[in-house]
Amino acid sequence: MSSRTLLVSALALGLAACQPAAEAPAAPEAPAAPEAPAAPATPAPPPAPATPVADVAHTGLMVHEAWTRPLAPGATVAAGYGLLMNHGTAPERFVAARAEGVGRVEIHTIESVDGVMQMRPLEGGLELPVDGSARLAPGGKHLMFFEVSRSWAEGERIPVTLVFESGAELVVEFAVLAQAPAGAVEAGHGEHAHHAH
């Protein structure tokens, strides 16, 4: 073989070595498995309704002419009055009360002891028969606010929560008035007797 033939053969081999190897044909992809139908989303349960503070629409409890007198700076005791009414279908009993900024609230009554009128807490609360009412008035049954943290000025409204034996609660705004409202019954009991208690 001539030297030229050897050179051509060597060049041919070199060129063949420089060419990229032919890629093997890619294997055909397997067909994708059909997607399973998505499970229907379970609807979230509706939020629980908020428990009302007072279900007055069902209990039929109402308070009219709720009021108290102004409380001067430094004074810590006051009284509350009004007309409680029960238009429900079952008897009720007013047993307790609370108010923001007041240490405690009590239901009081006035009674004669040895000829002297004295004030004391009303045991067992205040009964409200069906279609009946009970008056909180000066000189009779009334609310007492103790440890009041600030003065009450005329024209203010003091929110007070009344609690009943059934568990019903009724938020009532007591108007701060220098004089009893026209419809309220005065029983001749001055505020001085509250402070003596």
C-alpha atoms as a PDB file:
ATOM      1  CA  MET A   1       0.000   0.000   0.000  1.00  0.00           C
ATOM      2  CA  SER A   2       1.411   3.395  -0.893  1.00  0.00           C
ATOM      3  CA  SER A   3       2.091   6.049   1.661  1.00  0.00           C
ATOM      4  CA  ARG A   4      -0.643   8.244   0.087  1.00  0.00           C
ATOM      5  CA  THR A   5      -3.214   5.513   0.595  1.00  0.00           C
ATOM      6  CA  LEU A   6      -2.197   5.129   4.245  1.00  0.00           C
ATOM      7  CA  LEU A   7      -2.494   8.894   4.785  1.00  0.00           C
ATOM      8  CA  VAL A   8      -5.964   9.033   3.269  1.00  0.00           C
ATOM      9  CA  SER A   9      -7.066   6.080   5.377  1.00  0.00           C
ATOM     10  CA  ALA A  10      -5.714   7.733   8.535  1.00  0.00           C
ATOM     11  CA  LEU A  11      -7.504  10.994   7.735  1.00  0.00           C
ATOM     12  CA  ALA A  12     -10.736   9.130   7.149  1.00  0.00           C
ATOM     13  CA  LEU A  13     -10.438   7.397  10.508  1.00  0.00           C
ATOM     14  CA  GLY A  14      -9.653  10.707  12.235  1.00  0.00           C
ATOM     15  CA  LEU A  15     -12.673  12.422  10.763  1.00  0.00           C
ATOM     16  CA  ALA A  16     -14.892   9.547  11.739  1.00  0.00           C
ATOM     17  CA  ALA A  17     -13.652   9.788  15.311  1.00  0.00           C
ATOM     18  CA  CYS A  18     -14.526  13.510  15.468  1.00  0.00           C
ATOM     19  CA  GLN A  19     -18.158  13.007  14.469  1.00  0.00           C
ATOM     20  CA  PRO A  20     -20.629  12.795  17.420  1.00  0.00           C
ATOM     21  CA  ALA A  21     -22.067   9.400  17.915  1.00  0.00           C
ATOM     22  CA  ALA A  22     -25.520   9.071  16.583  1.00  0.00           C
ATOM     23  CA  GLU A  23     -27.986   9.294  19.400  1.00  0.00           C
ATOM     24  CA  ALA A  24     -30.128   6.289  19.933  1.00  0.00           C
ATOM     25  CA  PRO A  25     -33.733   7.075  19.205  1.00  0.00           C
ATOM     26  CA  ALA A  26     -35.507   8.001  22.380  1.00  0.00           C
ATOM     27  CA  ALA A  27     -37.885   5.426  23.650  1.00  0.00           C
ATOM     28  CA  PRO A  28     -41.438   6.600  23.203  1.00  0.00           C
ATOM     29  CA  GLU A  29     -42.888   7.950  26.410  1.00  0.00           C
ATOM     30  CA  ALA A  30     -45.468   5.783  28.066  1.00  0.00           C
ATOM     31  CA  PRO A  31     -48.890   7.356  27.828  1.00  0.00           C
ATOM     32  CA  ALA A  32     -49.720   9.249  31.003  1.00  0.00           C
ATOM     33  CA  ALA A  33     -52.153   7.483  33.240  1.00  0.00           C
ATOM     34  CA  PRO A  34     -55.499   9.230  33.204  1.00  0.00           C
ATOM     35  CA  GLU A  35     -55.921  11.440  36.246  1.00  0.00           C
ATOM     36  CA  ALA A  36     -58.371  10.172  38.802  1.00  0.00           C
ATOM     37  CA  PRO A  37     -61.303  12.551  39.161  1.00  0.00           C
ATOM     38  CA  ALA A  38     -60.736  14.874  42.109  1.00  0.00           C
ATOM     39  CA  ALA A  39     -62.821  13.998  45.124  1.00  0.00           C
ATOM     40  CA  PRO A  40     -65.481  16.627  45.694  1.00  0.00           C
ATOM     41  CA  ALA A  41     -64.351  19.090  48.370  1.00  0.00           C
ATOM     42  CA  THR A  42     -66.189  18.654  51.640  1.00  0.00           C
ATOM     43  CA  PRO A  43     -67.879  21.975  52.387  1.00  0.00           C
ATOM     44  CA  ALA A  44     -66.664  23.594  55.593  1.00  0.00           C
ATOM     45  CA  PRO A  45     -69.286  23.558  58.335  1.00  0.00           C
ATOM     46  CA  PRO A  46     -70.937  26.941  58.832  1.00  0.00           C
ATOM     47  CA  PRO A  47     -69.594  28.947  61.775  1.00  0.00           C
ATOM     48  CA  ALA A  48     -71.516  28.499  64.989  1.00  0.00           C
ATOM     49  CA  PRO A  49     -73.816  31.439  65.669  1.00  0.00           C
ATOM     50  CA  ALA A  50     -72.642  33.775  68.390  1.00  0.00           C
ATOM     51  CA  THR A  51     -74.493  33.344  71.658  1.00  0.00           C
ATOM     52  CA  PRO A  52     -76.486  36.504  72.306  1.00  0.00           C
ATOM     53  CA  VAL A  53     -75.981  38.291  75.588  1.00  0.00           C
ATOM     54  CA  ALA A  54     -79.725  38.642  76.008  1.00  0.00           C
ATOM     55  CA  ASP A  55     -82.429  36.822  74.120  1.00  0.00           C
ATOM     56  CA  VAL A  56     -85.036  39.423  74.991  1.00  0.00           C
ATOM     57  CA  ALA A  57     -87.116  38.616  71.913  1.00  0.00           C
ATOM     58  CA  HIS A  58     -87.874  35.186  73.359  1.00  0.00           C
ATOM     59  CA  THR A  59     -87.972  35.991  77.056  1.00  0.00           C
ATOM     60  CA  GLY A  60     -90.215  39.035  76.742  1.00  0.00           C
ATOM     61  CA  LEU A  61     -88.208  40.902  79.375  1.00  0.00           C
ATOM     62  CA  MET A  62     -88.171  44.696  79.220  1.00  0.00           C
ATOM     63  CA  VAL A  63     -87.089  47.607  81.388  1.00  0.00           C
ATOM     64  CA  HIS A  64     -88.626  51.075  81.159  1.00  0.00           C
ATOM     65  CA  GLU A  65     -87.511  54.376  82.732  1.00  0.00           C
ATOM     66  CA  ALA A  66     -84.165  53.034  83.963  1.00  0.00           C
ATOM     67  CA  TRP A  67     -82.383  55.878  85.722  1.00  0.00           C
ATOM     68  CA  THR A  68     -79.901  56.854  88.409  1.00  0.00           C
ATOM     69  CA  ARG A  69     -78.817  60.143  89.948  1.00  0.00           C
ATOM     70  CA  PRO A  70     -75.561  62.006  89.244  1.00  0.00           C
ATOM     71  CA  LEU A  71     -72.597  60.810  91.286  1.00  0.00           C
ATOM     72  CA  ALA A  72     -70.216  63.513  92.508  1.00  0.00           C
ATOM     73  CA  PRO A  73     -66.424  63.054  92.308  1.00  0.00           C
ATOM     74  CA  GLY A  74     -65.261  60.988  95.288  1.00  0.00           C
ATOM     75  CA  ALA A  75     -68.669  59.361  95.853  1.00  0.00           C
ATOM     76  CA  THR A  76     -68.661  55.591  95.361  1.00  0.00           C
ATOM     77  CA  VAL A  77     -72.273  54.525  96.067  1.00  0.00           C
ATOM     78  CA  ALA A  78     -75.334  55.097  93.881  1.00  0.00           C
ATOM     79  CA  ALA A  79     -78.830  53.682  93.397  1.00  0.00           C
ATOM     80  CA  GLY A  80     -80.695  52.576  90.283  1.00  0.00           C
ATOM     81  CA  TYR A  81     -84.398  52.553  89.487  1.00  0.00           C
ATOM     82  CA  GLY A  82     -86.763  51.473  86.723  1.00  0.00           C
ATOM     83  CA  LEU A  83     -89.760  49.360  85.767  1.00  0.00           C
ATOM     84  CA  LEU A  84     -89.070  45.684  84.983  1.00  0.00           C
ATOM     85  CA  MET A  85     -91.692  43.942  82.835  1.00  0.00           C
ATOM     86  CA  ASN A  86     -92.189  40.298  81.836  1.00  0.00           C
ATOM     87  CA  HIS A  87     -94.198  39.821  78.639  1.00  0.00           C
ATOM     88  CA  GLY A  88     -92.940  36.254  78.199  1.00  0.00           C
ATOM     89  CA  THR A  89     -94.756  32.963  78.658  1.00  0.00           C
ATOM     90  CA  ALA A  90     -93.013  31.878  81.865  1.00  0.00           C
ATOM     91  CA  PRO A  91     -92.377  33.524  85.232  1.00  0.00           C
ATOM     92  CA  GLU A  92     -88.939  35.081  85.699  1.00  0.00           C
ATOM     93  CA  ARG A  93     -86.840  36.199  88.628  1.00  0.00           C
ATOM     94  CA  PHE A  94     -84.353  39.076  88.561  1.00  0.00           C
ATOM     95  CA  VAL A  95     -81.416  37.832  90.643  1.00  0.00           C
ATOM     96  CA  ALA A  96     -78.274  39.892  89.960  1.00  0.00           C
ATOM     97  CA  ALA A  97     -76.677  42.735  88.032  1.00  0.00           C
ATOM     98  CA  ARG A  98     -73.253  43.993  87.032  1.00  0.00           C
ATOM     99  CA  ALA A  99     -71.794  47.128  85.478  1.00  0.00           C
ATOM    100  CA  GLU A 100     -68.380  48.143  84.198  1.00  0.00           C
ATOM    101  CA  GLY A 101     -66.478  50.298  86.660  1.00  0.00           C
ATOM    102  CA  VAL A 102     -68.670  49.149  89.562  1.00  0.00           C
ATOM    103  CA  GLY A 103     -67.319  46.804  92.230  1.00  0.00           C
ATOM    104  CA  ARG A 104     -70.663  45.138  92.859  1.00  0.00           C
ATOM    105  CA  VAL A 105     -74.371  45.644  92.257  1.00  0.00           C
ATOM    106  CA  GLU A 106     -77.035  44.430  94.705  1.00  0.00           C
ATOM    107  CA  ILE A 107     -80.826  44.336  94.737  1.00  0.00           C
ATOM    108  CA  HIS A 108     -82.046  46.033  97.925  1.00  0.00           C
ATOM    109  CA  THR A 109     -85.308  46.593  99.705  1.00  0.00           C
ATOM    110  CA  ILE A 110     -86.469  48.897 102.498  1.00  0.00           C
ATOM    111  CA  GLU A 111     -88.191  47.521 105.590  1.00  0.00           C
ATOM    112  CA  SER A 112     -89.214  48.828 108.990  1.00  0.00           C
ATOM    113  CA  VAL A 113     -87.285  47.405 111.952  1.00  0.00           C
ATOM    114  CA  ASP A 114     -88.487  48.618 115.371  1.00  0.00           C
ATOM    115  CA  GLY A 115     -90.052  51.614 113.711  1.00  0.00           C
ATOM    116  CA  VAL A 116     -86.871  52.506 111.811  1.00  0.00           C
ATOM    117  CA  MET A 117     -86.656  52.166 108.032  1.00  0.00           C
ATOM    118  CA  GLN A 118     -83.630  50.100 107.103  1.00  0.00           C
ATOM    119  CA  MET A 119     -82.183  48.977 103.816  1.00  0.00           C
ATOM    120  CA  ARG A 120     -81.010  45.409 103.252  1.00  0.00           C
ATOM    121  CA  PRO A 121     -80.221  43.063 100.325  1.00  0.00           C
ATOM    122  CA  LEU A 122     -83.318  41.404  98.872  1.00  0.00           C
ATOM    123  CA  GLU A 123     -83.067  37.652  99.457  1.00  0.00           C
ATOM    124  CA  GLY A 124     -84.017  35.442  96.505  1.00  0.00           C
ATOM    125  CA  GLY A 125     -84.227  38.208  93.932  1.00  0.00           C
ATOM    126  CA  LEU A 126     -87.230  39.966  92.467  1.00  0.00           C
ATOM    127  CA  GLU A 127     -90.095  37.859  91.090  1.00  0.00           C
ATOM    128  CA  LEU A 128     -91.630  38.768  87.728  1.00  0.00           C
ATOM    129  CA  PRO A 129     -94.848  36.819  86.998  1.00  0.00           C
ATOM    130  CA  VAL A 130     -96.105  36.356  83.452  1.00  0.00           C
ATOM    131  CA  ASP A 131     -97.464  39.695  82.181  1.00  0.00           C
ATOM    132  CA  GLY A 132     -96.353  41.190  85.484  1.00  0.00           C
ATOM    133  CA  SER A 133     -93.958  43.947  86.451  1.00  0.00           C
ATOM    134  CA  ALA A 134     -91.845  45.100  89.361  1.00  0.00           C
ATOM    135  CA  ARG A 135     -90.913  48.685  90.130  1.00  0.00           C
ATOM    136  CA  LEU A 136     -87.470  49.695  91.362  1.00  0.00           C
ATOM    137  CA  ALA A 137     -88.077  53.042  93.038  1.00  0.00           C
ATOM    138  CA  PRO A 138     -86.717  55.333  95.754  1.00  0.00           C
ATOM    139  CA  GLY A 139     -88.179  54.212  99.068  1.00  0.00           C
ATOM    140  CA  GLY A 140     -88.745  50.650  97.859  1.00  0.00           C
ATOM    141  CA  LYS A 141     -86.876  47.948  96.047  1.00  0.00           C
ATOM    142  CA  HIS A 142     -83.933  49.310  94.057  1.00  0.00           C
ATOM    143  CA  LEU A 143     -80.431  48.577  92.800  1.00  0.00           C
ATOM    144  CA  MET A 144     -77.368  49.604  94.768  1.00  0.00           C
ATOM    145  CA  PHE A 145     -74.079  50.294  92.986  1.00  0.00           C
ATOM    146  CA  PHE A 146     -71.056  49.949  95.283  1.00  0.00           C
ATOM    147  CA  GLU A 147     -67.409  50.861  94.686  1.00  0.00           C
ATOM    148  CA  VAL A 148     -68.171  53.031  91.661  1.00  0.00           C
ATOM    149  CA  SER A 149     -64.834  53.976  90.108  1.00  0.00           C
ATOM    150  CA  ARG A 150     -65.771  57.403  88.692  1.00  0.00           C
ATOM    151  CA  SER A 151     -68.317  60.176  88.884  1.00  0.00           C
ATOM    152  CA  TRP A 152     -71.517  60.025  86.819  1.00  0.00           C
ATOM    153  CA  ALA A 153     -72.568  63.284  85.185  1.00  0.00           C
ATOM    154  CA  GLU A 154     -76.120  64.270  84.331  1.00  0.00           C
ATOM    155  CA  GLY A 155     -76.938  63.246  80.763  1.00  0.00           C
ATOM    156  CA  GLU A 156     -74.725  60.161  80.766  1.00  0.00           C
ATOM    157  CA  ARG A 157     -76.067  56.665  80.177  1.00  0.00           C
ATOM    158  CA  ILE A 158     -74.651  53.838  82.312  1.00  0.00           C
ATOM    159  CA  PRO A 159     -74.892  50.320  80.780  1.00  0.00           C
ATOM    160  CA  VAL A 160     -75.982  47.755  83.380  1.00  0.00           C
ATOM    161  CA  THR A 161     -76.425  44.017  82.724  1.00  0.00           C
ATOM    162  CA  LEU A 162     -79.433  42.515  84.501  1.00  0.00           C
ATOM    163  CA  VAL A 163     -79.235  38.757  85.145  1.00  0.00           C
ATOM    164  CA  PHE A 164     -82.298  36.524  85.484  1.00  0.00           C
ATOM    165  CA  GLU A 165     -82.759  33.112  87.064  1.00  0.00           C
ATOM    166  CA  SER A 166     -83.389  31.488  83.652  1.00  0.00           C
ATOM    167  CA  GLY A 167     -79.935  32.591  82.494  1.00  0.00           C
ATOM    168  CA  ALA A 168     -81.241  35.442  80.360  1.00  0.00           C
ATOM    169  CA  GLU A 169     -79.232  38.655  80.510  1.00  0.00           C
ATOM    170  CA  LEU A 170     -80.519  42.076  79.546  1.00  0.00           C
ATOM    171  CA  VAL A 171     -78.258  45.103  79.010  1.00  0.00           C
ATOM    172  CA  VAL A 172     -80.051  48.282  80.070  1.00  0.00           C
ATOM    173  CA  GLU A 173     -78.785  51.860  79.855  1.00  0.00           C
ATOM    174  CA  PHE A 174     -79.540  53.808  83.024  1.00  0.00           C
ATOM    175  CA  ALA A 175     -79.993  57.513  82.299  1.00  0.00           C
ATOM    176  CA  VAL A 176     -78.229  59.828  84.760  1.00  0.00           C
ATOM    177  CA  LEU A 177     -80.907  62.350  85.788  1.00  0.00           C
ATOM    178  CA  ALA A 178     -81.077  65.028  88.468  1.00  0.00           C
ATOM    179  CA  GLN A 179     -84.828  64.396  88.827  1.00  0.00           C
ATOM    180  CA  ALA A 180     -86.890  61.238  88.455  1.00  0.00           C
ATOM    181  CA  PRO A 181     -88.501  60.835  85.011  1.00  0.00           C
ATOM    182  CA  ALA A 182     -92.148  61.834  84.800  1.00  0.00           C
ATOM    183  CA  GLY A 183     -93.405  58.242  84.757  1.00  0.00           C
ATOM    184  CA  ALA A 184     -91.310  57.048  87.682  1.00  0.00           C
ATOM    185  CA  VAL A 185     -92.857  56.577  91.106  1.00  0.00           C
ATOM    186  CA  GLU A 186     -91.116  58.327  93.973  1.00  0.00           C
ATOM    187  CA  ALA A 187     -91.622  56.628  97.329  1.00  0.00           C
ATOM    188  CA  GLY A 188     -90.108  59.275  99.559  1.00  0.00           C
ATOM    189  CA  HIS A 189     -86.736  57.573  99.922  1.00  0.00           C
ATOM    190  CA  GLY A 190     -83.817  59.988  99.624  1.00  0.00           C
ATOM    191  CA  GLU A 191     -80.323  59.107  98.505  1.00  0.00           C
ATOM    192  CA  HIS A 192     -78.957  59.833 101.990  1.00  0.00           C
ATOM    193  CA  ALA A 193     -80.280  56.487 103.206  1.00  0.00           C
ATOM    194  CA  HIS A 194     -78.110  54.676 100.639  1.00  0.00           C
ATOM    195  CA  HIS A 195     -74.951  56.272 101.917  1.00  0.00           C
ATOM    196  CA  ALA A 196     -75.849  55.398 105.505  1.00  0.00           C
ATOM    197  CA  HIS A 197     -75.881  51.713 104.550  1.00  0.00           C
END
